[in-house]
Protein backbone atom coordinates (compact mmCIF):
# COMPACT_ATOMS: atom_id res chain seq x y z
CA MET A 1 49.04 -13.62 66.72
CA ARG A 2 47.52 -16.95 65.63
CA ILE A 3 44.36 -17.96 67.70
CA PHE A 4 42.33 -21.51 67.59
CA PHE A 5 39.39 -21.77 69.60
CA ASP A 6 38.19 -24.92 70.87
CA THR A 7 34.41 -26.08 70.27
CA ASN A 8 33.53 -24.66 73.78
CA VAL A 9 33.99 -21.47 72.94
CA TYR A 10 31.58 -21.24 69.82
CA VAL A 11 29.26 -22.78 71.49
CA ALA A 12 29.25 -20.61 74.48
CA GLU A 13 29.14 -17.36 71.88
CA ALA A 14 26.04 -19.11 69.87
CA LEU A 15 24.52 -19.42 73.37
CA LEU A 16 25.40 -16.79 75.74
CA GLY A 17 26.31 -14.09 73.55
CA GLU A 18 27.76 -10.95 74.63
CA TRP A 19 30.80 -12.36 76.46
CA ALA A 20 32.15 -15.06 74.38
CA GLU A 21 31.47 -12.04 71.20
CA ALA A 22 33.13 -9.84 72.36
CA MET A 23 36.10 -11.87 72.81
CA ILE A 24 35.76 -13.32 68.96
CA SER A 25 34.99 -9.44 67.83
CA ALA A 26 38.13 -8.22 69.74
CA THR A 27 40.29 -11.17 68.17
CA VAL A 28 38.83 -9.77 64.87
CA ARG A 29 39.17 -6.48 65.12
CA ALA A 30 43.20 -6.97 66.13
CA ALA A 31 43.70 -8.22 63.06
CA TRP A 32 44.67 -11.58 64.61
CA ARG A 33 44.52 -14.76 62.63
CA ILE A 34 41.44 -17.19 63.70
CA PHE A 35 42.04 -20.84 62.68
CA ILE A 36 39.42 -23.65 62.84
CA SER A 37 38.72 -27.12 61.83
CA ASP A 38 36.50 -29.30 60.22
CA ASP A 39 36.44 -31.48 63.40
CA VAL A 40 35.59 -28.04 65.30
CA LEU A 41 32.84 -27.09 62.85
CA ASP A 42 30.97 -30.48 62.72
CA GLU A 43 31.25 -30.57 66.82
CA ILE A 44 29.92 -27.10 67.19
CA GLN A 45 26.86 -28.58 64.75
CA ARG A 46 26.57 -31.60 66.89
CA VAL A 47 26.66 -30.39 70.37
CA LEU A 48 24.33 -27.25 69.34
CA THR A 49 21.49 -30.11 67.80
CA ASP A 50 22.41 -33.43 69.28
CA ASP A 51 23.22 -32.40 72.92
CA LEU A 52 21.55 -28.90 73.55
CA GLY A 53 18.76 -30.01 71.32
CA PHE A 54 19.07 -26.61 69.25
CA SER A 55 17.76 -26.42 65.88
CA ALA A 56 19.46 -27.14 62.91
CA ARG A 57 19.37 -23.76 61.56
CA LEU A 58 20.92 -21.93 64.68
CA ALA A 59 23.67 -24.37 64.42
CA ARG A 60 24.02 -24.57 60.23
CA LEU A 61 24.38 -20.35 61.23
CA THR A 62 26.64 -20.56 63.89
CA ARG A 63 29.07 -22.51 61.54
CA GLN A 64 28.65 -20.58 59.14
CA ARG A 65 29.62 -17.25 60.68
CA CYS A 66 32.51 -19.62 62.15
CA VAL A 67 33.78 -20.36 58.36
CA ARG A 68 33.43 -16.49 57.53
CA ARG A 69 35.93 -15.15 60.57
CA SER A 70 37.96 -18.04 60.56
CA ILE A 71 40.94 -19.88 58.26
CA CYS A 72 40.21 -23.30 58.02
CA ILE A 73 43.10 -25.86 59.08
CA ARG A 74 43.47 -29.53 57.44
CA GLU A 75 43.94 -31.61 60.42
CA ILE A 76 47.48 -33.59 60.00
CA ALA A 77 48.04 -37.06 61.47
CA SER A 78 50.99 -36.99 63.89
CA ARG A 79 52.68 -38.26 67.28
CA HIS A 80 50.17 -35.70 69.38
CA GLU A 81 47.54 -37.50 72.02
CA VAL A 82 45.74 -36.06 74.72
CA PRO A 83 46.78 -38.46 77.11
CA GLY A 84 43.18 -37.67 79.46
CA ASP A 85 40.90 -37.78 76.85
CA PRO A 86 42.51 -39.20 73.12
CA ALA A 87 38.66 -37.53 72.14
CA ASP A 88 40.30 -34.18 71.86
CA SER A 89 43.58 -35.15 70.46
CA PRO A 90 42.04 -33.80 67.01
CA ILE A 91 41.27 -29.98 68.42
CA LEU A 92 45.73 -30.29 69.95
CA ARG A 93 46.83 -31.69 66.35
CA ALA A 94 44.62 -28.61 64.39
CA ALA A 95 45.88 -26.18 66.82
CA LEU A 96 49.83 -27.48 66.73
CA ALA A 97 49.32 -27.32 62.69
CA ALA A 98 48.01 -23.51 62.47
CA SER A 99 51.43 -22.64 64.41
CA ALA A 100 48.62 -21.32 66.35
CA ASP A 101 50.08 -19.12 69.66
CA TYR A 102 46.96 -19.75 71.79
CA LEU A 103 44.40 -22.96 72.10
CA VAL A 104 41.69 -21.38 73.93
CA THR A 105 39.50 -23.97 75.70
CA ASN A 106 37.61 -24.59 78.79
CA ASP A 107 38.33 -28.34 78.89
CA GLN A 108 40.13 -29.72 81.35
CA HIS A 109 42.35 -32.27 79.59
CA LEU A 110 43.76 -29.69 76.79
CA LEU A 111 44.44 -26.71 79.61
CA GLU A 112 46.09 -29.58 82.08
CA LEU A 113 49.17 -29.53 79.04
CA ASP A 114 49.90 -26.12 79.33
CA PRO A 115 52.08 -25.39 77.82
CA TYR A 116 52.77 -27.71 74.96
CA GLU A 117 55.38 -27.53 72.59
CA GLY A 118 55.04 -23.79 72.03
CA LEU A 119 51.46 -23.73 72.12
CA ARG A 120 50.03 -21.92 74.85
CA ILE A 121 46.32 -23.35 76.28
CA ILE A 122 44.38 -21.14 78.22
CA SER A 123 40.98 -20.81 79.02
CA MET A 124 38.35 -18.40 77.87
CA SER A 125 38.47 -16.48 81.04
CA ALA A 126 42.51 -16.10 80.73
CA TYR A 127 42.11 -15.17 77.02
CA HIS A 128 39.17 -12.59 78.22
CA GLU A 129 42.28 -11.21 80.14
CA LEU A 130 44.72 -11.23 77.82
CA LEU A 131 42.31 -9.24 75.54
CA LYS A 132 41.76 -6.55 78.59
CA ASN A 133 45.61 -6.45 78.88
CA GLU A 134 46.16 -5.67 75.00
CA GLY A 135 43.40 -2.72 75.55
CA LEU A 136 41.10 -4.41 72.95
CA ILE A 137 38.30 -5.12 75.86
CA PRO A 138 37.14 -3.28 78.43
């Protein structure tokens, strides 16, 4: 299985801990491939420091943790756009470039596209249910 987590999943892991961490850890234990992009890594740092006021150290540690568990994918130029929010287009493009089975996000503009050219775009709660159904988390 190939999974692309949106920024909001990693931010939830950094801030809320257990629930998001359990999902990411279960994905790693299942040996499913996790993909990330430079855009997501940069956005994680920006959101944690600029938007939420956390330290640069927390943002850097979060970024490093993401890099350790993921395969970094380069976004390629493509025709794929998110109509409701063009700023989300790099996330969609990177997930497609990774040939991900699932893009996990809580972003409504992305969720509205599900399914998109073979890519399932699901919420964090739907992904949690998928992991439960696979027997990967209680």
